[in-house]
Amino acid sequence: MIKEHDRVVLLKDVPEEGLKAGDVGTVVHIYREGEAFEVEFMTLDGRTVAIVALPALHVRAVSSRDITHVRELIAT
């Protein structure tokens, strides 16, 4: 079960926000008992890239088999 402040992995691109599947964010709010989540995505130096409301099907909890990976944001 995903809770507030948990890290989650994005499962679907959100191009209008510059997000790609695999990006990791932090849950900042839970809607309707877990039907959707508001997730903050940040750069590694702490700058917020996007805060997005996402249906539960578009994120998953991080697992012990996940590894951090870096990609560079495209300037907008």
C-alpha atoms as a PDB file:
ATOM      1  CA  MET A   1       0.000   0.000   0.000  1.00  0.00           C
ATOM      2  CA  ILE A   2       1.378   3.389  -1.018  1.00  0.00           C
ATOM      3  CA  LYS A   3       1.372   6.048   1.722  1.00  0.00           C
ATOM      4  CA  GLU A   4       2.137   9.773   1.855  1.00  0.00           C
ATOM      5  CA  HIS A   5       5.891  10.467   1.585  1.00  0.00           C
ATOM      6  CA  ASP A   6       6.538   7.115  -0.135  1.00  0.00           C
ATOM      7  CA  ARG A   7       8.644   7.174  -3.263  1.00  0.00           C
ATOM      8  CA  VAL A   8       6.897   5.879  -6.369  1.00  0.00           C
ATOM      9  CA  VAL A   9       7.924   5.051  -9.927  1.00  0.00           C
ATOM     10  CA  LEU A  10       6.062   6.600 -12.857  1.00  0.00           C
ATOM     11  CA  LEU A  11       4.744   3.939 -15.251  1.00  0.00           C
ATOM     12  CA  LYS A  12       3.581   6.196 -18.103  1.00  0.00           C
ATOM     13  CA  ASP A  13       5.122   9.266 -19.741  1.00  0.00           C
ATOM     14  CA  VAL A  14       3.554  12.630 -18.853  1.00  0.00           C
ATOM     15  CA  PRO A  15       5.003  14.700 -21.715  1.00  0.00           C
ATOM     16  CA  GLU A  16       3.175  17.924 -20.826  1.00  0.00           C
ATOM     17  CA  GLU A  17       5.157  17.931 -17.549  1.00  0.00           C
ATOM     18  CA  GLY A  18       8.437  16.669 -19.028  1.00  0.00           C
ATOM     19  CA  LEU A  19       8.149  13.357 -17.142  1.00  0.00           C
ATOM     20  CA  LYS A  20       9.061   9.919 -18.457  1.00  0.00           C
ATOM     21  CA  ALA A  21       8.177   6.418 -17.339  1.00  0.00           C
ATOM     22  CA  GLY A  22      10.741   5.369 -14.750  1.00  0.00           C
ATOM     23  CA  ASP A  23      11.016   8.793 -13.103  1.00  0.00           C
ATOM     24  CA  VAL A  24      10.813   8.627  -9.309  1.00  0.00           C
ATOM     25  CA  GLY A  25       8.648  10.964  -7.277  1.00  0.00           C
ATOM     26  CA  THR A  26       7.313  11.378  -3.748  1.00  0.00           C
ATOM     27  CA  VAL A  27       3.639  11.062  -2.829  1.00  0.00           C
ATOM     28  CA  VAL A  28       2.439  14.310  -1.261  1.00  0.00           C
ATOM     29  CA  HIS A  29      -1.298  13.539  -1.148  1.00  0.00           C
ATOM     30  CA  ILE A  30      -3.565  10.515  -1.504  1.00  0.00           C
ATOM     31  CA  TYR A  31      -6.976  10.847  -3.160  1.00  0.00           C
ATOM     32  CA  ARG A  32     -10.021   8.632  -2.571  1.00  0.00           C
ATOM     33  CA  GLU A  33      -8.264   6.013  -0.440  1.00  0.00           C
ATOM     34  CA  GLY A  34      -5.537   5.340  -2.994  1.00  0.00           C
ATOM     35  CA  GLU A  35      -7.414   5.694  -6.288  1.00  0.00           C
ATOM     36  CA  ALA A  36      -5.065   8.551  -7.226  1.00  0.00           C
ATOM     37  CA  PHE A  37      -1.959  10.265  -5.880  1.00  0.00           C
ATOM     38  CA  GLU A  38      -0.464  13.725  -6.044  1.00  0.00           C
ATOM     39  CA  VAL A  39       3.232  13.171  -6.688  1.00  0.00           C
ATOM     40  CA  GLU A  40       6.135  15.631  -6.575  1.00  0.00           C
ATOM     41  CA  PHE A  41       9.006  15.020  -8.984  1.00  0.00           C
ATOM     42  CA  MET A  42      12.303  16.715  -8.191  1.00  0.00           C
ATOM     43  CA  THR A  43      15.819  17.023  -9.537  1.00  0.00           C
ATOM     44  CA  LEU A  44      18.562  15.452  -7.434  1.00  0.00           C
ATOM     45  CA  ASP A  45      19.533  18.900  -6.120  1.00  0.00           C
ATOM     46  CA  GLY A  46      16.013  19.480  -4.773  1.00  0.00           C
ATOM     47  CA  ARG A  47      14.343  21.628  -7.458  1.00  0.00           C
ATOM     48  CA  THR A  48      10.697  20.714  -8.049  1.00  0.00           C
ATOM     49  CA  VAL A  49      10.082  19.728 -11.671  1.00  0.00           C
ATOM     50  CA  ALA A  50       6.369  18.949 -11.401  1.00  0.00           C
ATOM     51  CA  ILE A  51       3.599  18.165  -8.957  1.00  0.00           C
ATOM     52  CA  VAL A  52       1.072  15.978 -10.724  1.00  0.00           C
ATOM     53  CA  ALA A  53      -2.144  14.186  -9.782  1.00  0.00           C
ATOM     54  CA  LEU A  54      -1.925  10.653 -11.185  1.00  0.00           C
ATOM     55  CA  PRO A  55      -4.287   7.679 -11.189  1.00  0.00           C
ATOM     56  CA  ALA A  56      -3.022   4.733  -9.168  1.00  0.00           C
ATOM     57  CA  LEU A  57      -2.473   2.735 -12.385  1.00  0.00           C
ATOM     58  CA  HIS A  58       0.216   5.234 -13.472  1.00  0.00           C
ATOM     59  CA  VAL A  59       2.537   4.679 -10.495  1.00  0.00           C
ATOM     60  CA  ARG A  60       3.961   1.823  -8.462  1.00  0.00           C
ATOM     61  CA  ALA A  61       5.800   1.642  -5.185  1.00  0.00           C
ATOM     62  CA  VAL A  62       9.575   1.390  -5.374  1.00  0.00           C
ATOM     63  CA  SER A  63      10.979  -2.062  -4.702  1.00  0.00           C
ATOM     64  CA  SER A  64      14.198  -3.414  -3.251  1.00  0.00           C
ATOM     65  CA  ARG A  65      15.227  -4.383  -6.796  1.00  0.00           C
ATOM     66  CA  ASP A  66      15.041  -0.811  -8.165  1.00  0.00           C
ATOM     67  CA  ILE A  67      18.166   1.245  -8.789  1.00  0.00           C
ATOM     68  CA  THR A  68      18.466   5.005  -9.169  1.00  0.00           C
ATOM     69  CA  HIS A  69      19.159   6.188 -12.719  1.00  0.00           C
ATOM     70  CA  VAL A  70      19.862   9.724 -13.933  1.00  0.00           C
ATOM     71  CA  ARG A  71      18.578  11.445 -17.057  1.00  0.00           C
ATOM     72  CA  GLU A  72      18.998  15.082 -17.987  1.00  0.00           C
ATOM     73  CA  LEU A  73      15.892  17.244 -18.276  1.00  0.00           C
ATOM     74  CA  ILE A  74      15.270  18.921 -21.581  1.00  0.00           C
ATOM     75  CA  ALA A  75      15.178  22.678 -21.070  1.00  0.00           C
ATOM     76  CA  THR A  76      11.729  24.193 -21.589  1.00  0.00           C
END
